[in-house]
Amino acid sequence: MGRKTALVTGASHGIGRAIALGLAAKGYALGINYFRSEKNALEVCEQIKNSGGSAIPLKADVSNLAALREMFKQFFKEFSTIDLMVNNAGVSEFYPFLEVTEEQWEKITFTDWKSTFFGTQIAAQNMVENKKQGLIINISSNHADGC
């Protein structure tokens, strides 16, 4: 049996980066999702490869369903199956309640909720198709308590 595989969204910095590096240390081959910072994502991949691991950068705005699906397509092209999905990507933006626009609301909810729902669905479909008892982890934030 080959290496276990994992995909971590928002893995180019912060908590996502730490999760990806921790999983690599445990032997996982990784998909490193990023949206804006290709440089950071490539650094994470390089760090993993330098320690004997395997990682690929996956650029995608996970709030966009077509981009999310394309990200998984690239992941499965490289690794074929998934053992672990970490929905970590999120945005923290604060606006006065009475002034929030539809665009602002969609940016936050599509990134934080929509991407988690459909990312989980796509990963789970692959796990079921391949008869894998995988794991899906959804990261939340303390901001959920302070809306």
C-alpha atoms as a PDB file:
ATOM      1  CA  MET A   1       0.000   0.000   0.000  1.00  0.00           C
ATOM      2  CA  GLY A   2       1.294   3.483  -0.883  1.00  0.00           C
ATOM      3  CA  ARG A   3       1.513   6.585   1.215  1.00  0.00           C
ATOM      4  CA  LYS A   4      -1.632   7.991   2.714  1.00  0.00           C
ATOM      5  CA  THR A   5      -2.769  11.215   1.078  1.00  0.00           C
ATOM      6  CA  ALA A   6      -4.167  14.432   2.490  1.00  0.00           C
ATOM      7  CA  LEU A   7      -5.442  17.708   1.104  1.00  0.00           C
ATOM      8  CA  VAL A   8      -5.309  20.812   3.301  1.00  0.00           C
ATOM      9  CA  THR A   9      -7.079  23.986   2.236  1.00  0.00           C
ATOM     10  CA  GLY A  10      -5.480  27.281   3.214  1.00  0.00           C
ATOM     11  CA  ALA A  11      -2.176  25.450   3.698  1.00  0.00           C
ATOM     12  CA  SER A  12       0.248  28.145   2.554  1.00  0.00           C
ATOM     13  CA  HIS A  13       0.371  29.885   5.941  1.00  0.00           C
ATOM     14  CA  GLY A  14      -0.776  29.849   9.539  1.00  0.00           C
ATOM     15  CA  ILE A  15      -2.646  26.890  10.976  1.00  0.00           C
ATOM     16  CA  GLY A  16      -3.011  25.207   7.572  1.00  0.00           C
ATOM     17  CA  ARG A  17       0.741  25.289   7.014  1.00  0.00           C
ATOM     18  CA  ALA A  18       1.378  23.800  10.465  1.00  0.00           C
ATOM     19  CA  ILE A  19      -1.178  21.062   9.823  1.00  0.00           C
ATOM     20  CA  ALA A  20       0.369  20.222   6.442  1.00  0.00           C
ATOM     21  CA  LEU A  21       3.882  20.045   7.879  1.00  0.00           C
ATOM     22  CA  GLY A  22       2.650  17.880  10.748  1.00  0.00           C
ATOM     23  CA  LEU A  23       0.912  15.490   8.363  1.00  0.00           C
ATOM     24  CA  ALA A  24       4.009  15.316   6.163  1.00  0.00           C
ATOM     25  CA  ALA A  25       6.046  14.366   9.230  1.00  0.00           C
ATOM     26  CA  LYS A  26       3.573  11.509   9.743  1.00  0.00           C
ATOM     27  CA  GLY A  27       4.189  10.296   6.177  1.00  0.00           C
ATOM     28  CA  TYR A  28       1.251  11.772   4.271  1.00  0.00           C
ATOM     29  CA  ALA A  29       1.603  12.881   0.652  1.00  0.00           C
ATOM     30  CA  LEU A  30      -0.042  16.287   0.483  1.00  0.00           C
ATOM     31  CA  GLY A  31      -2.018  18.684  -1.622  1.00  0.00           C
ATOM     32  CA  ILE A  32      -1.178  22.206  -0.464  1.00  0.00           C
ATOM     33  CA  ASN A  33      -4.071  24.508  -1.333  1.00  0.00           C
ATOM     34  CA  TYR A  34      -3.488  28.232  -1.615  1.00  0.00           C
ATOM     35  CA  PHE A  35      -5.307  31.131  -3.214  1.00  0.00           C
ATOM     36  CA  ARG A  36      -3.027  34.156  -3.210  1.00  0.00           C
ATOM     37  CA  SER A  37       0.449  33.212  -2.031  1.00  0.00           C
ATOM     38  CA  GLU A  38       2.049  30.839  -4.497  1.00  0.00           C
ATOM     39  CA  LYS A  39       5.445  31.692  -2.981  1.00  0.00           C
ATOM     40  CA  ASN A  40       4.342  30.475   0.460  1.00  0.00           C
ATOM     41  CA  ALA A  41       2.725  27.342  -0.963  1.00  0.00           C
ATOM     42  CA  LEU A  42       5.889  26.490  -2.895  1.00  0.00           C
ATOM     43  CA  GLU A  43       7.938  26.996   0.288  1.00  0.00           C
ATOM     44  CA  VAL A  44       5.688  24.544   2.156  1.00  0.00           C
ATOM     45  CA  CYS A  45       6.006  22.004  -0.673  1.00  0.00           C
ATOM     46  CA  GLU A  46       9.770  22.455  -0.765  1.00  0.00           C
ATOM     47  CA  GLN A  47      10.060  22.011   2.992  1.00  0.00           C
ATOM     48  CA  ILE A  48       8.056  18.785   2.767  1.00  0.00           C
ATOM     49  CA  LYS A  49      10.106  17.481  -0.166  1.00  0.00           C
ATOM     50  CA  ASN A  50      13.389  18.358   1.563  1.00  0.00           C
ATOM     51  CA  SER A  51      12.361  16.147   4.481  1.00  0.00           C
ATOM     52  CA  GLY A  52      11.628  13.210   2.165  1.00  0.00           C
ATOM     53  CA  GLY A  53       7.924  13.824   1.683  1.00  0.00           C
ATOM     54  CA  SER A  54       5.680  14.462  -1.281  1.00  0.00           C
ATOM     55  CA  ALA A  55       3.562  17.575  -1.856  1.00  0.00           C
ATOM     56  CA  ILE A  56       1.986  19.502  -4.695  1.00  0.00           C
ATOM     57  CA  PRO A  57       0.722  23.100  -4.712  1.00  0.00           C
ATOM     58  CA  LEU A  58      -2.951  23.497  -5.626  1.00  0.00           C
ATOM     59  CA  LYS A  59      -4.114  27.011  -6.439  1.00  0.00           C
ATOM     60  CA  ALA A  60      -7.850  27.472  -5.997  1.00  0.00           C
ATOM     61  CA  ASP A  61     -10.356  29.957  -4.676  1.00  0.00           C
ATOM     62  CA  VAL A  62     -12.239  27.327  -2.679  1.00  0.00           C
ATOM     63  CA  SER A  63     -15.276  29.616  -2.395  1.00  0.00           C
ATOM     64  CA  ASN A  64     -15.860  28.966  -6.101  1.00  0.00           C
ATOM     65  CA  LEU A  65     -17.333  25.498  -6.686  1.00  0.00           C
ATOM     66  CA  ALA A  66     -15.831  25.107 -10.174  1.00  0.00           C
ATOM     67  CA  ALA A  67     -12.373  26.031  -8.819  1.00  0.00           C
ATOM     68  CA  LEU A  68     -12.839  23.649  -5.866  1.00  0.00           C
ATOM     69  CA  ARG A  69     -13.731  20.803  -8.226  1.00  0.00           C
ATOM     70  CA  GLU A  70     -10.735  21.596 -10.442  1.00  0.00           C
ATOM     71  CA  MET A  71      -8.465  21.556  -7.384  1.00  0.00           C
ATOM     72  CA  PHE A  72      -9.672  18.063  -6.490  1.00  0.00           C
ATOM     73  CA  LYS A  73      -9.276  16.983 -10.124  1.00  0.00           C
ATOM     74  CA  GLN A  74      -5.604  18.025  -9.976  1.00  0.00           C
ATOM     75  CA  PHE A  75      -5.180  16.315  -6.601  1.00  0.00           C
ATOM     76  CA  PHE A  76      -6.683  13.050  -7.880  1.00  0.00           C
ATOM     77  CA  LYS A  77      -4.595  13.253 -11.056  1.00  0.00           C
ATOM     78  CA  GLU A  78      -1.493  13.174  -8.835  1.00  0.00           C
ATOM     79  CA  PHE A  79      -2.626  10.891  -6.004  1.00  0.00           C
ATOM     80  CA  SER A  80      -5.835   9.145  -7.288  1.00  0.00           C
ATOM     81  CA  THR A  81      -7.409   8.794  -3.821  1.00  0.00           C
ATOM     82  CA  ILE A  82      -7.699  10.771  -0.607  1.00  0.00           C
ATOM     83  CA  ASP A  83      -7.347   9.529   2.952  1.00  0.00           C
ATOM     84  CA  LEU A  84      -7.614  12.805   4.850  1.00  0.00           C
ATOM     85  CA  MET A  85      -9.267  16.122   4.034  1.00  0.00           C
ATOM     86  CA  VAL A  86      -8.680  19.210   6.179  1.00  0.00           C
ATOM     87  CA  ASN A  87     -11.060  22.091   5.462  1.00  0.00           C
ATOM     88  CA  ASN A  88      -9.015  24.898   6.945  1.00  0.00           C
ATOM     89  CA  ALA A  89      -9.428  27.833   4.534  1.00  0.00           C
ATOM     90  CA  GLY A  90     -11.333  30.762   5.947  1.00  0.00           C
ATOM     91  CA  VAL A  91     -11.579  34.507   5.922  1.00  0.00           C
ATOM     92  CA  SER A  92     -11.753  36.924   8.825  1.00  0.00           C
ATOM     93  CA  GLU A  93     -13.324  40.184   7.831  1.00  0.00           C
ATOM     94  CA  PHE A  94     -15.430  42.346  10.077  1.00  0.00           C
ATOM     95  CA  TYR A  95     -18.022  44.874   8.978  1.00  0.00           C
ATOM     96  CA  PRO A  96     -20.625  46.907  10.836  1.00  0.00           C
ATOM     97  CA  PHE A  97     -23.793  44.798  10.749  1.00  0.00           C
ATOM     98  CA  LEU A  98     -25.952  47.568   9.299  1.00  0.00           C
ATOM     99  CA  GLU A  99     -23.508  48.123   6.427  1.00  0.00           C
ATOM    100  CA  VAL A 100     -22.712  44.567   5.239  1.00  0.00           C
ATOM    101  CA  THR A 101     -23.113  44.139   1.493  1.00  0.00           C
ATOM    102  CA  GLU A 102     -24.205  40.990  -0.278  1.00  0.00           C
ATOM    103  CA  GLU A 103     -20.719  40.660  -1.812  1.00  0.00           C
ATOM    104  CA  GLN A 104     -19.064  40.832   1.614  1.00  0.00           C
ATOM    105  CA  TRP A 105     -21.482  38.287   3.058  1.00  0.00           C
ATOM    106  CA  GLU A 106     -20.953  35.913   0.120  1.00  0.00           C
ATOM    107  CA  LYS A 107     -17.158  36.147   0.302  1.00  0.00           C
ATOM    108  CA  ILE A 108     -17.184  35.057   3.918  1.00  0.00           C
ATOM    109  CA  THR A 109     -19.921  32.429   3.798  1.00  0.00           C
ATOM    110  CA  PHE A 110     -18.807  30.920   0.497  1.00  0.00           C
ATOM    111  CA  THR A 111     -15.237  30.563   1.764  1.00  0.00           C
ATOM    112  CA  ASP A 112     -16.059  29.428   5.285  1.00  0.00           C
ATOM    113  CA  TRP A 113     -19.176  27.301   4.734  1.00  0.00           C
ATOM    114  CA  LYS A 114     -19.756  26.509   1.080  1.00  0.00           C
ATOM    115  CA  SER A 115     -16.185  25.347   0.490  1.00  0.00           C
ATOM    116  CA  THR A 116     -16.299  23.167   3.607  1.00  0.00           C
ATOM    117  CA  PHE A 117     -19.587  21.552   2.601  1.00  0.00           C
ATOM    118  CA  PHE A 118     -18.611  20.802  -0.995  1.00  0.00           C
ATOM    119  CA  GLY A 119     -14.985  19.980  -0.163  1.00  0.00           C
ATOM    120  CA  THR A 120     -16.261  17.415   2.321  1.00  0.00           C
ATOM    121  CA  GLN A 121     -18.700  16.058  -0.259  1.00  0.00           C
ATOM    122  CA  ILE A 122     -16.056  15.637  -2.984  1.00  0.00           C
ATOM    123  CA  ALA A 123     -13.564  14.022  -0.602  1.00  0.00           C
ATOM    124  CA  ALA A 124     -16.223  11.693   0.824  1.00  0.00           C
ATOM    125  CA  GLN A 125     -17.374  10.649  -2.662  1.00  0.00           C
ATOM    126  CA  ASN A 126     -13.807   9.598  -3.495  1.00  0.00           C
ATOM    127  CA  MET A 127     -13.453   7.755  -0.190  1.00  0.00           C
ATOM    128  CA  VAL A 128     -16.698   5.844  -0.767  1.00  0.00           C
ATOM    129  CA  GLU A 129     -15.801   5.038  -4.387  1.00  0.00           C
ATOM    130  CA  ASN A 130     -12.436   3.674  -3.262  1.00  0.00           C
ATOM    131  CA  LYS A 131     -13.776   1.941  -0.136  1.00  0.00           C
ATOM    132  CA  LYS A 132     -11.535   4.030   2.127  1.00  0.00           C
ATOM    133  CA  GLN A 133     -12.264   4.745   5.748  1.00  0.00           C
ATOM    134  CA  GLY A 134     -10.950   8.259   5.494  1.00  0.00           C
ATOM    135  CA  LEU A 135     -11.086  11.211   7.781  1.00  0.00           C
ATOM    136  CA  ILE A 136     -12.436  14.719   7.189  1.00  0.00           C
ATOM    137  CA  ILE A 137     -11.573  17.528   9.588  1.00  0.00           C
ATOM    138  CA  ASN A 138     -13.380  20.867   9.506  1.00  0.00           C
ATOM    139  CA  ILE A 139     -11.562  23.729  11.188  1.00  0.00           C
ATOM    140  CA  SER A 140     -13.644  26.511  12.697  1.00  0.00           C
ATOM    141  CA  SER A 141     -12.727  29.752  14.365  1.00  0.00           C
ATOM    142  CA  ASN A 142     -13.465  31.542  17.567  1.00  0.00           C
ATOM    143  CA  HIS A 143     -15.029  34.193  15.320  1.00  0.00           C
ATOM    144  CA  ALA A 144     -18.079  31.933  15.053  1.00  0.00           C
ATOM    145  CA  ASP A 145     -18.860  32.877  18.656  1.00  0.00           C
ATOM    146  CA  GLY A 146     -18.601  36.602  18.137  1.00  0.00           C
ATOM    147  CA  CYS A 147     -20.745  37.428  15.130  1.00  0.00           C
END
